């Protein structure tokens, strides 16, 4: 089974769990709306790519880890789109959850997705129970305090923020959780050796997001643009200018490739990261 099929199957099983007889049907519908149809699934693909490079001896556990990472990402988007943050009308080319289901259900859907991520991990624990603790800590650190995506979002509520710290926490932390979790799901891997790959790649994706917010249109992205400037957020474009941000993106992408630890899947993973990095620069700036 290829990586994308594994991811979609694991996510479908997780959301189906929320649709049990007797559960609130509109909440279940809001969860399904938040998770499907798929986005790029970059983070769970990264989890499975690292797991493959490390041997992937317990695919049920690595698939659960990948699904948990994506559920947490979806939760962050639901909350990020709400009126108290971006007040975004669309996400992935369709109405955002709070526009489709209302603010109260959006709050609950985001919360439920966070919990569902950990439920998904726990249900896979019997195949390798000794690995569950490190996985739970890795995933929890990627989303919580003091340096997870919740902390990254909180920097937007501070009077000043260091751009690198802000981007590393808001975006890089979940990428780091994705790479570390891929290794933690495998026997004889060294999970912490994979942190730098996630940090650098996540920061590169945030710079790319800043660039797209500055130069793309809503029809292309499937979500509002110009948000960073309108809300006065820290941004690579604001700090370095357009071409300075492109140069930073390319440097971070190269750093990510060079950080991949020695492993039997190193060449394959380097090729995958280079391929993904090549797609990050907006077409309007690629030349």
C-alpha atoms as a PDB file:
ATOM      1  CA  UNK A   1       0.000   0.000   0.000  1.00  0.00           C
ATOM      2  CA  UNK A   2       1.488   3.375  -1.000  1.00  0.00           C
ATOM      3  CA  UNK A   3       1.943   6.207   1.496  1.00  0.00           C
ATOM      4  CA  UNK A   4      -1.007   8.327   0.371  1.00  0.00           C
ATOM      5  CA  UNK A   5      -3.385   5.363   0.490  1.00  0.00           C
ATOM      6  CA  UNK A   6      -2.191   4.541   4.006  1.00  0.00           C
ATOM      7  CA  UNK A   7      -2.734   8.140   5.111  1.00  0.00           C
ATOM      8  CA  UNK A   8      -6.229   8.447   3.634  1.00  0.00           C
ATOM      9  CA  UNK A   9      -7.275   5.059   5.015  1.00  0.00           C
ATOM     10  CA  UNK A  10      -6.059   5.941   8.522  1.00  0.00           C
ATOM     11  CA  UNK A  11      -7.788   9.332   8.427  1.00  0.00           C
ATOM     12  CA  UNK A  12     -11.027   7.766   7.171  1.00  0.00           C
ATOM     13  CA  UNK A  13     -10.956   5.267  10.045  1.00  0.00           C
ATOM     14  CA  UNK A  14     -10.334   8.062  12.556  1.00  0.00           C
ATOM     15  CA  UNK A  15     -13.203  10.228  11.318  1.00  0.00           C
ATOM     16  CA  UNK A  16     -15.504   7.200  11.131  1.00  0.00           C
ATOM     17  CA  UNK A  17     -14.867   6.746  14.866  1.00  0.00           C
ATOM     18  CA  UNK A  18     -16.505  10.164  15.409  1.00  0.00           C
ATOM     19  CA  UNK A  19     -19.553   9.095  13.419  1.00  0.00           C
ATOM     20  CA  UNK A  20     -20.653   6.337  15.815  1.00  0.00           C
ATOM     21  CA  UNK A  21     -24.362   5.840  16.341  1.00  0.00           C
ATOM     22  CA  UNK A  22     -25.570   8.258  18.983  1.00  0.00           C
ATOM     23  CA  UNK A  23     -22.790  10.823  18.421  1.00  0.00           C
ATOM     24  CA  UNK A  24     -23.776  14.419  17.466  1.00  0.00           C
ATOM     25  CA  UNK A  25     -24.162  14.216  13.668  1.00  0.00           C
ATOM     26  CA  UNK A  26     -23.334  17.856  12.881  1.00  0.00           C
ATOM     27  CA  UNK A  27     -20.118  17.669  14.887  1.00  0.00           C
ATOM     28  CA  UNK A  28     -19.122  14.536  12.969  1.00  0.00           C
ATOM     29  CA  UNK A  29     -19.963  16.321   9.713  1.00  0.00           C
ATOM     30  CA  UNK A  30     -17.792  19.292  10.741  1.00  0.00           C
ATOM     31  CA  UNK A  31     -14.859  16.937  11.417  1.00  0.00           C
ATOM     32  CA  UNK A  32     -15.270  15.314   8.017  1.00  0.00           C
ATOM     33  CA  UNK A  33     -15.488  18.768   6.401  1.00  0.00           C
ATOM     34  CA  UNK A  34     -12.215  19.771   8.092  1.00  0.00           C
ATOM     35  CA  UNK A  35     -10.274  16.655   7.068  1.00  0.00           C
ATOM     36  CA  UNK A  36     -11.644  15.885   3.581  1.00  0.00           C
ATOM     37  CA  UNK A  37     -11.095  16.332   0.725  1.00  0.00           C
ATOM     38  CA  UNK A  38      -7.375  16.151   1.223  1.00  0.00           C
ATOM     39  CA  UNK A  39      -4.885  18.964   1.064  1.00  0.00           C
ATOM     40  CA  UNK A  40      -1.243  18.285   0.300  1.00  0.00           C
ATOM     41  CA  UNK A  41      -0.854  15.904   3.293  1.00  0.00           C
ATOM     42  CA  UNK A  42       2.747  17.109   3.445  1.00  0.00           C
ATOM     43  CA  UNK A  43       3.272  16.394   7.137  1.00  0.00           C
ATOM     44  CA  UNK A  44       1.944  12.808   7.231  1.00  0.00           C
ATOM     45  CA  UNK A  45       3.787  12.010   4.020  1.00  0.00           C
ATOM     46  CA  UNK A  46       6.953  13.225   5.728  1.00  0.00           C
ATOM     47  CA  UNK A  47       6.229  10.977   8.727  1.00  0.00           C
ATOM     48  CA  UNK A  48       5.900   7.921   6.510  1.00  0.00           C
ATOM     49  CA  UNK A  49       8.931   8.871   4.412  1.00  0.00           C
ATOM     50  CA  UNK A  50      11.114   9.048   7.535  1.00  0.00           C
ATOM     51  CA  UNK A  51       9.614   5.793   8.828  1.00  0.00           C
ATOM     52  CA  UNK A  52      10.425   4.130   5.493  1.00  0.00           C
ATOM     53  CA  UNK A  53      14.000   5.437   5.663  1.00  0.00           C
ATOM     54  CA  UNK A  54      14.292   3.953   9.193  1.00  0.00           C
ATOM     55  CA  UNK A  55      12.873   0.522   8.334  1.00  0.00           C
ATOM     56  CA  UNK A  56       9.138   0.991   9.106  1.00  0.00           C
ATOM     57  CA  UNK A  57       8.899  -2.297  11.001  1.00  0.00           C
ATOM     58  CA  UNK A  58       5.495  -1.416  12.539  1.00  0.00           C
ATOM     59  CA  UNK A  59       3.485   0.162   9.710  1.00  0.00           C
ATOM     60  CA  UNK A  60       0.265   0.247  11.756  1.00  0.00           C
ATOM     61  CA  UNK A  61       1.996   2.501  14.280  1.00  0.00           C
ATOM     62  CA  UNK A  62       3.653   4.770  11.711  1.00  0.00           C
ATOM     63  CA  UNK A  63       0.319   5.103   9.856  1.00  0.00           C
ATOM     64  CA  UNK A  64      -1.385   6.095  13.117  1.00  0.00           C
ATOM     65  CA  UNK A  65       1.375   8.629  13.812  1.00  0.00           C
ATOM     66  CA  UNK A  66       0.986  10.101  10.329  1.00  0.00           C
ATOM     67  CA  UNK A  67      -2.791  10.359  10.752  1.00  0.00           C
ATOM     68  CA  UNK A  68      -2.392  11.984  14.181  1.00  0.00           C
ATOM     69  CA  UNK A  69      -0.059  14.615  12.743  1.00  0.00           C
ATOM     70  CA  UNK A  70      -2.542  15.437   9.973  1.00  0.00           C
ATOM     71  CA  UNK A  71      -5.519  15.577  12.360  1.00  0.00           C
ATOM     72  CA  UNK A  72      -3.618  18.086  14.483  1.00  0.00           C
ATOM     73  CA  UNK A  73      -2.769  20.131  11.409  1.00  0.00           C
ATOM     74  CA  UNK A  74      -6.447  20.159  10.398  1.00  0.00           C
ATOM     75  CA  UNK A  75      -7.405  21.223  13.923  1.00  0.00           C
ATOM     76  CA  UNK A  76      -4.984  24.139  13.735  1.00  0.00           C
ATOM     77  CA  UNK A  77      -6.534  25.263  10.438  1.00  0.00           C
ATOM     78  CA  UNK A  78     -10.057  25.147  11.880  1.00  0.00           C
ATOM     79  CA  UNK A  79      -9.011  27.369  14.778  1.00  0.00           C
ATOM     80  CA  UNK A  80      -6.783  29.602  12.625  1.00  0.00           C
ATOM     81  CA  UNK A  81      -9.692  30.408  10.290  1.00  0.00           C
ATOM     82  CA  UNK A  82     -12.036  31.524  13.062  1.00  0.00           C
ATOM     83  CA  UNK A  83     -13.170  35.154  13.535  1.00  0.00           C
ATOM     84  CA  UNK A  84     -10.845  35.704  16.515  1.00  0.00           C
ATOM     85  CA  UNK A  85      -7.822  34.967  14.276  1.00  0.00           C
ATOM     86  CA  UNK A  86      -7.990  35.196  10.469  1.00  0.00           C
ATOM     87  CA  UNK A  87     -11.782  35.213  10.018  1.00  0.00           C
ATOM     88  CA  UNK A  88     -11.189  33.280   6.791  1.00  0.00           C
ATOM     89  CA  UNK A  89     -14.237  32.512   4.657  1.00  0.00           C
ATOM     90  CA  UNK A  90     -12.592  29.685   2.711  1.00  0.00           C
ATOM     91  CA  UNK A  91     -10.110  26.871   3.196  1.00  0.00           C
ATOM     92  CA  UNK A  92      -8.983  24.445   0.478  1.00  0.00           C
ATOM     93  CA  UNK A  93     -11.410  26.065  -1.932  1.00  0.00           C
ATOM     94  CA  UNK A  94     -14.559  25.560   0.161  1.00  0.00           C
ATOM     95  CA  UNK A  95     -16.198  27.338   3.124  1.00  0.00           C
ATOM     96  CA  UNK A  96     -14.125  27.229   6.293  1.00  0.00           C
ATOM     97  CA  UNK A  97     -15.612  25.166   9.107  1.00  0.00           C
ATOM     98  CA  UNK A  98     -16.979  28.122  11.070  1.00  0.00           C
ATOM     99  CA  UNK A  99     -18.671  29.481   7.934  1.00  0.00           C
ATOM    100  CA  UNK A 100     -20.197  26.097   7.103  1.00  0.00           C
ATOM    101  CA  UNK A 101     -21.205  25.005  10.615  1.00  0.00           C
ATOM    102  CA  UNK A 102     -21.036  28.087  12.838  1.00  0.00           C
ATOM    103  CA  UNK A 103     -18.495  29.249  15.400  1.00  0.00           C
ATOM    104  CA  UNK A 104     -19.538  26.987  18.326  1.00  0.00           C
ATOM    105  CA  UNK A 105     -19.242  23.808  16.260  1.00  0.00           C
ATOM    106  CA  UNK A 106     -15.945  25.017  14.770  1.00  0.00           C
ATOM    107  CA  UNK A 107     -14.482  25.410  18.273  1.00  0.00           C
ATOM    108  CA  UNK A 108     -15.698  21.938  19.204  1.00  0.00           C
ATOM    109  CA  UNK A 109     -14.543  20.393  15.920  1.00  0.00           C
ATOM    110  CA  UNK A 110     -11.028  21.765  16.382  1.00  0.00           C
ATOM    111  CA  UNK A 111     -10.950  20.475  19.959  1.00  0.00           C
ATOM    112  CA  UNK A 112     -12.308  17.082  18.881  1.00  0.00           C
ATOM    113  CA  UNK A 113      -9.666  16.736  16.162  1.00  0.00           C
ATOM    114  CA  UNK A 114      -6.907  17.350  18.708  1.00  0.00           C
ATOM    115  CA  UNK A 115      -8.264  14.644  21.002  1.00  0.00           C
ATOM    116  CA  UNK A 116      -8.940  12.323  18.047  1.00  0.00           C
ATOM    117  CA  UNK A 117      -5.255  12.526  17.114  1.00  0.00           C
ATOM    118  CA  UNK A 118      -4.242  11.068  20.462  1.00  0.00           C
ATOM    119  CA  UNK A 119      -7.065   8.513  20.391  1.00  0.00           C
ATOM    120  CA  UNK A 120      -5.748   7.356  17.009  1.00  0.00           C
ATOM    121  CA  UNK A 121      -2.245   6.915  18.406  1.00  0.00           C
ATOM    122  CA  UNK A 122      -3.505   5.083  21.484  1.00  0.00           C
ATOM    123  CA  UNK A 123      -5.566   2.612  19.433  1.00  0.00           C
ATOM    124  CA  UNK A 124      -2.423   1.619  17.516  1.00  0.00           C
ATOM    125  CA  UNK A 125      -0.363   1.118  20.689  1.00  0.00           C
ATOM    126  CA  UNK A 126      -0.855  -2.671  21.068  1.00  0.00           C
ATOM    127  CA  UNK A 127       1.442  -3.382  18.113  1.00  0.00           C
ATOM    128  CA  UNK A 128       4.392  -1.733  19.948  1.00  0.00           C
ATOM    129  CA  UNK A 129       3.307  -0.444  23.385  1.00  0.00           C
ATOM    130  CA  UNK A 130       6.835   0.509  24.420  1.00  0.00           C
ATOM    131  CA  UNK A 131       6.947   3.103  21.628  1.00  0.00           C
ATOM    132  CA  UNK A 132       3.696   4.870  22.564  1.00  0.00           C
ATOM    133  CA  UNK A 133       5.163   7.060  25.325  1.00  0.00           C
ATOM    134  CA  UNK A 134       7.872   8.671  23.163  1.00  0.00           C
ATOM    135  CA  UNK A 135       5.374   9.110  20.321  1.00  0.00           C
ATOM    136  CA  UNK A 136       2.818  10.819  22.561  1.00  0.00           C
ATOM    137  CA  UNK A 137       5.461  13.188  23.934  1.00  0.00           C
ATOM    138  CA  UNK A 138       6.741  13.972  20.430  1.00  0.00           C
ATOM    139  CA  UNK A 139       3.293  14.751  19.061  1.00  0.00           C
ATOM    140  CA  UNK A 140       2.239  16.648  22.193  1.00  0.00           C
ATOM    141  CA  UNK A 141       5.361  18.810  22.104  1.00  0.00           C
ATOM    142  CA  UNK A 142       4.669  19.612  18.462  1.00  0.00           C
ATOM    143  CA  UNK A 143       1.279  21.127  19.217  1.00  0.00           C
ATOM    144  CA  UNK A 144       1.379  22.363  22.808  1.00  0.00           C
ATOM    145  CA  UNK A 145       3.520  24.538  25.038  1.00  0.00           C
ATOM    146  CA  UNK A 146       6.140  25.809  25.378  1.00  0.00           C
ATOM    147  CA  UNK A 147       7.232  25.621  21.711  1.00  0.00           C
ATOM    148  CA  UNK A 148       4.450  23.911  19.727  1.00  0.00           C
ATOM    149  CA  UNK A 149       1.986  25.362  17.243  1.00  0.00           C
ATOM    150  CA  UNK A 150      -0.227  26.713  20.047  1.00  0.00           C
ATOM    151  CA  UNK A 151       2.744  28.752  21.275  1.00  0.00           C
ATOM    152  CA  UNK A 152       3.473  29.833  17.710  1.00  0.00           C
ATOM    153  CA  UNK A 153      -0.082  31.107  17.308  1.00  0.00           C
ATOM    154  CA  UNK A 154       0.186  32.877  20.658  1.00  0.00           C
ATOM    155  CA  UNK A 155       3.095  34.996  19.383  1.00  0.00           C
ATOM    156  CA  UNK A 156       0.515  36.812  17.252  1.00  0.00           C
ATOM    157  CA  UNK A 157      -0.971  38.079  20.534  1.00  0.00           C
ATOM    158  CA  UNK A 158       2.365  39.509  21.741  1.00  0.00           C
ATOM    159  CA  UNK A 159       3.528  43.082  20.996  1.00  0.00           C
ATOM    160  CA  UNK A 160       6.725  41.782  19.346  1.00  0.00           C
ATOM    161  CA  UNK A 161       7.929  38.453  18.005  1.00  0.00           C
ATOM    162  CA  UNK A 162      11.210  37.133  16.675  1.00  0.00           C
ATOM    163  CA  UNK A 163      10.425  35.996  13.123  1.00  0.00           C
ATOM    164  CA  UNK A 164      12.491  32.812  13.245  1.00  0.00           C
ATOM    165  CA  UNK A 165      11.063  31.725  16.625  1.00  0.00           C
ATOM    166  CA  UNK A 166       7.536  32.552  15.486  1.00  0.00           C
ATOM    167  CA  UNK A 167       7.877  30.513  12.287  1.00  0.00           C
ATOM    168  CA  UNK A 168       9.705  27.654  13.978  1.00  0.00           C
ATOM    169  CA  UNK A 169       6.903  27.290  16.508  1.00  0.00           C
ATOM    170  CA  UNK A 170       3.868  28.067  14.362  1.00  0.00           C
ATOM    171  CA  UNK A 171       4.881  25.799  11.475  1.00  0.00           C
ATOM    172  CA  UNK A 172       8.248  24.139  12.101  1.00  0.00           C
ATOM    173  CA  UNK A 173       7.207  22.460  15.347  1.00  0.00           C
ATOM    174  CA  UNK A 174       4.631  20.194  13.689  1.00  0.00           C
ATOM    175  CA  UNK A 175       7.043  19.386  10.865  1.00  0.00           C
ATOM    176  CA  UNK A 176       9.624  18.443  13.509  1.00  0.00           C
ATOM    177  CA  UNK A 177       7.005  16.301  15.235  1.00  0.00           C
ATOM    178  CA  UNK A 178       6.314  14.633  11.878  1.00  0.00           C
ATOM    179  CA  UNK A 179       9.944  13.688  11.260  1.00  0.00           C
ATOM    180  CA  UNK A 180      10.660  12.648  14.852  1.00  0.00           C
ATOM    181  CA  UNK A 181       7.433  10.608  15.019  1.00  0.00           C
ATOM    182  CA  UNK A 182       8.370   8.758  11.837  1.00  0.00           C
ATOM    183  CA  UNK A 183      11.601   7.643  13.472  1.00  0.00           C
ATOM    184  CA  UNK A 184      10.035   7.037  16.903  1.00  0.00           C
ATOM    185  CA  UNK A 185       7.586   4.579  15.330  1.00  0.00           C
ATOM    186  CA  UNK A 186      10.523   2.391  14.242  1.00  0.00           C
ATOM    187  CA  UNK A 187      12.882   0.123  16.138  1.00  0.00           C
ATOM    188  CA  UNK A 188      16.551   1.094  16.529  1.00  0.00           C
ATOM    189  CA  UNK A 189      16.078   4.611  15.083  1.00  0.00           C
ATOM    190  CA  UNK A 190      17.328   7.783  16.784  1.00  0.00           C
ATOM    191  CA  UNK A 191      14.305  10.107  16.737  1.00  0.00           C
ATOM    192  CA  UNK A 192      16.087  13.302  17.863  1.00  0.00           C
ATOM    193  CA  UNK A 193      18.488  13.014  14.931  1.00  0.00           C
ATOM    194  CA  UNK A 194      15.513  13.877  12.688  1.00  0.00           C
ATOM    195  CA  UNK A 195      14.490  17.093  14.447  1.00  0.00           C
ATOM    196  CA  UNK A 196      16.602  19.450  12.343  1.00  0.00           C
ATOM    197  CA  UNK A 197      15.060  18.167   9.115  1.00  0.00           C
ATOM    198  CA  UNK A 198      11.590  19.006  10.412  1.00  0.00           C
ATOM    199  CA  UNK A 199      12.665  22.372  11.813  1.00  0.00           C
ATOM    200  CA  UNK A 200      14.264  23.534   8.568  1.00  0.00           C
ATOM    201  CA  UNK A 201      11.590  22.135   6.299  1.00  0.00           C
ATOM    202  CA  UNK A 202       8.808  23.583   8.417  1.00  0.00           C
ATOM    203  CA  UNK A 203      10.404  27.020   8.420  1.00  0.00           C
ATOM    204  CA  UNK A 204      10.800  26.770   4.640  1.00  0.00           C
ATOM    205  CA  UNK A 205       7.093  26.010   4.266  1.00  0.00           C
ATOM    206  CA  UNK A 206       6.193  28.999   6.432  1.00  0.00           C
ATOM    207  CA  UNK A 207       8.364  31.296   4.304  1.00  0.00           C
ATOM    208  CA  UNK A 208       6.669  29.834   1.217  1.00  0.00           C
ATOM    209  CA  UNK A 209       3.282  30.522   2.818  1.00  0.00           C
ATOM    210  CA  UNK A 210       4.329  34.121   3.472  1.00  0.00           C
ATOM    211  CA  UNK A 211       5.313  34.470  -0.183  1.00  0.00           C
ATOM    212  CA  UNK A 212       2.045  32.982  -1.448  1.00  0.00           C
ATOM    213  CA  UNK A 213       0.074  35.265   0.866  1.00  0.00           C
ATOM    214  CA  UNK A 214       1.881  38.226  -0.690  1.00  0.00           C
ATOM    215  CA  UNK A 215       1.777  37.376  -4.413  1.00  0.00           C
ATOM    216  CA  UNK A 216      -0.951  34.801  -5.127  1.00  0.00           C
ATOM    217  CA  UNK A 217      -4.727  35.233  -5.401  1.00  0.00           C
ATOM    218  CA  UNK A 218      -7.536  33.591  -3.464  1.00  0.00           C
ATOM    219  CA  UNK A 219      -8.720  31.516  -6.432  1.00  0.00           C
ATOM    220  CA  UNK A 220      -5.271  29.926  -6.754  1.00  0.00           C
ATOM    221  CA  UNK A 221      -4.742  29.244  -3.045  1.00  0.00           C
ATOM    222  CA  UNK A 222      -8.289  28.383  -2.041  1.00  0.00           C
ATOM    223  CA  UNK A 223      -8.039  30.701   0.983  1.00  0.00           C
ATOM    224  CA  UNK A 224      -7.826  34.465   1.625  1.00  0.00           C
ATOM    225  CA  UNK A 225      -4.598  36.281   0.725  1.00  0.00           C
ATOM    226  CA  UNK A 226      -2.962  39.469   2.009  1.00  0.00           C
ATOM    227  CA  UNK A 227      -3.736  38.398   5.572  1.00  0.00           C
ATOM    228  CA  UNK A 228      -0.204  38.908   6.978  1.00  0.00           C
ATOM    229  CA  UNK A 229      -0.058  42.519   5.838  1.00  0.00           C
ATOM    230  CA  UNK A 230      -3.634  43.277   6.863  1.00  0.00           C
ATOM    231  CA  UNK A 231      -3.131  41.914  10.385  1.00  0.00           C
ATOM    232  CA  UNK A 232       0.438  43.175  10.815  1.00  0.00           C
ATOM    233  CA  UNK A 233       1.833  39.701  11.417  1.00  0.00           C
ATOM    234  CA  UNK A 234       5.516  38.762  11.412  1.00  0.00           C
ATOM    235  CA  UNK A 235       6.373  37.724   7.863  1.00  0.00           C
ATOM    236  CA  UNK A 236       9.462  36.795   5.872  1.00  0.00           C
ATOM    237  CA  UNK A 237       8.252  39.098   3.089  1.00  0.00           C
ATOM    238  CA  UNK A 238       7.898  42.046   5.481  1.00  0.00           C
ATOM    239  CA  UNK A 239      11.334  41.394   6.989  1.00  0.00           C
ATOM    240  CA  UNK A 240      13.395  40.441   3.913  1.00  0.00           C
ATOM    241  CA  UNK A 241      11.387  41.629   0.892  1.00  0.00           C
ATOM    242  CA  UNK A 242      10.133  39.312  -1.835  1.00  0.00           C
ATOM    243  CA  UNK A 243      13.458  38.199  -3.283  1.00  0.00           C
ATOM    244  CA  UNK A 244      15.103  38.090   0.134  1.00  0.00           C
ATOM    245  CA  UNK A 245      12.342  35.748   1.262  1.00  0.00           C
ATOM    246  CA  UNK A 246      12.865  33.569  -1.840  1.00  0.00           C
ATOM    247  CA  UNK A 247      16.590  33.366  -1.040  1.00  0.00           C
ATOM    248  CA  UNK A 248      15.775  32.415   2.562  1.00  0.00           C
ATOM    249  CA  UNK A 249      13.365  29.743   1.372  1.00  0.00           C
ATOM    250  CA  UNK A 250      15.992  28.184  -0.896  1.00  0.00           C
ATOM    251  CA  UNK A 251      18.612  28.256   1.845  1.00  0.00           C
ATOM    252  CA  UNK A 252      16.276  26.586   4.346  1.00  0.00           C
ATOM    253  CA  UNK A 253      15.356  23.915   1.789  1.00  0.00           C
ATOM    254  CA  UNK A 254      19.018  23.128   1.164  1.00  0.00           C
ATOM    255  CA  UNK A 255      19.686  23.029   4.911  1.00  0.00           C
ATOM    256  CA  UNK A 256      16.824  20.537   5.258  1.00  0.00           C
ATOM    257  CA  UNK A 257      18.309  18.229   2.623  1.00  0.00           C
ATOM    258  CA  UNK A 258      21.757  18.391   4.205  1.00  0.00           C
ATOM    259  CA  UNK A 259      20.351  17.600   7.671  1.00  0.00           C
ATOM    260  CA  UNK A 260      18.997  14.145   6.723  1.00  0.00           C
ATOM    261  CA  UNK A 261      20.807  11.615   8.940  1.00  0.00           C
ATOM    262  CA  UNK A 262      22.710   8.649   7.575  1.00  0.00           C
ATOM    263  CA  UNK A 263      20.216   5.831   6.954  1.00  0.00           C
ATOM    264  CA  UNK A 264      19.496   3.237   4.326  1.00  0.00           C
ATOM    265  CA  UNK A 265      16.808   5.455   2.780  1.00  0.00           C
ATOM    266  CA  UNK A 266      18.882   8.648   2.763  1.00  0.00           C
ATOM    267  CA  UNK A 267      19.167   9.010  -1.027  1.00  0.00           C
ATOM    268  CA  UNK A 268      15.456   8.389  -1.555  1.00  0.00           C
ATOM    269  CA  UNK A 269      14.515  10.906   1.122  1.00  0.00           C
ATOM    270  CA  UNK A 270      16.875  13.545  -0.226  1.00  0.00           C
ATOM    271  CA  UNK A 271      15.274  13.183  -3.643  1.00  0.00           C
ATOM    272  CA  UNK A 272      11.801  13.531  -2.154  1.00  0.00           C
ATOM    273  CA  UNK A 273      12.710  16.652  -0.159  1.00  0.00           C
ATOM    274  CA  UNK A 274      14.367  18.287  -3.173  1.00  0.00           C
ATOM    275  CA  UNK A 275      11.296  17.552  -5.273  1.00  0.00           C
ATOM    276  CA  UNK A 276       8.983  19.084  -2.680  1.00  0.00           C
ATOM    277  CA  UNK A 277      11.262  22.079  -2.123  1.00  0.00           C
ATOM    278  CA  UNK A 278      11.215  22.829  -5.836  1.00  0.00           C
ATOM    279  CA  UNK A 279       7.459  23.380  -5.644  1.00  0.00           C
ATOM    280  CA  UNK A 280       7.577  25.862  -2.788  1.00  0.00           C
ATOM    281  CA  UNK A 281       8.623  29.016  -4.657  1.00  0.00           C
ATOM    282  CA  UNK A 282       5.506  30.629  -6.217  1.00  0.00           C
ATOM    283  CA  UNK A 283       5.516  30.438 -10.015  1.00  0.00           C
ATOM    284  CA  UNK A 284       5.415  34.219 -10.247  1.00  0.00           C
ATOM    285  CA  UNK A 285       8.791  34.384  -8.460  1.00  0.00           C
ATOM    286  CA  UNK A 286      10.441  31.181  -9.623  1.00  0.00           C
ATOM    287  CA  UNK A 287      12.422  32.849 -12.400  1.00  0.00           C
END
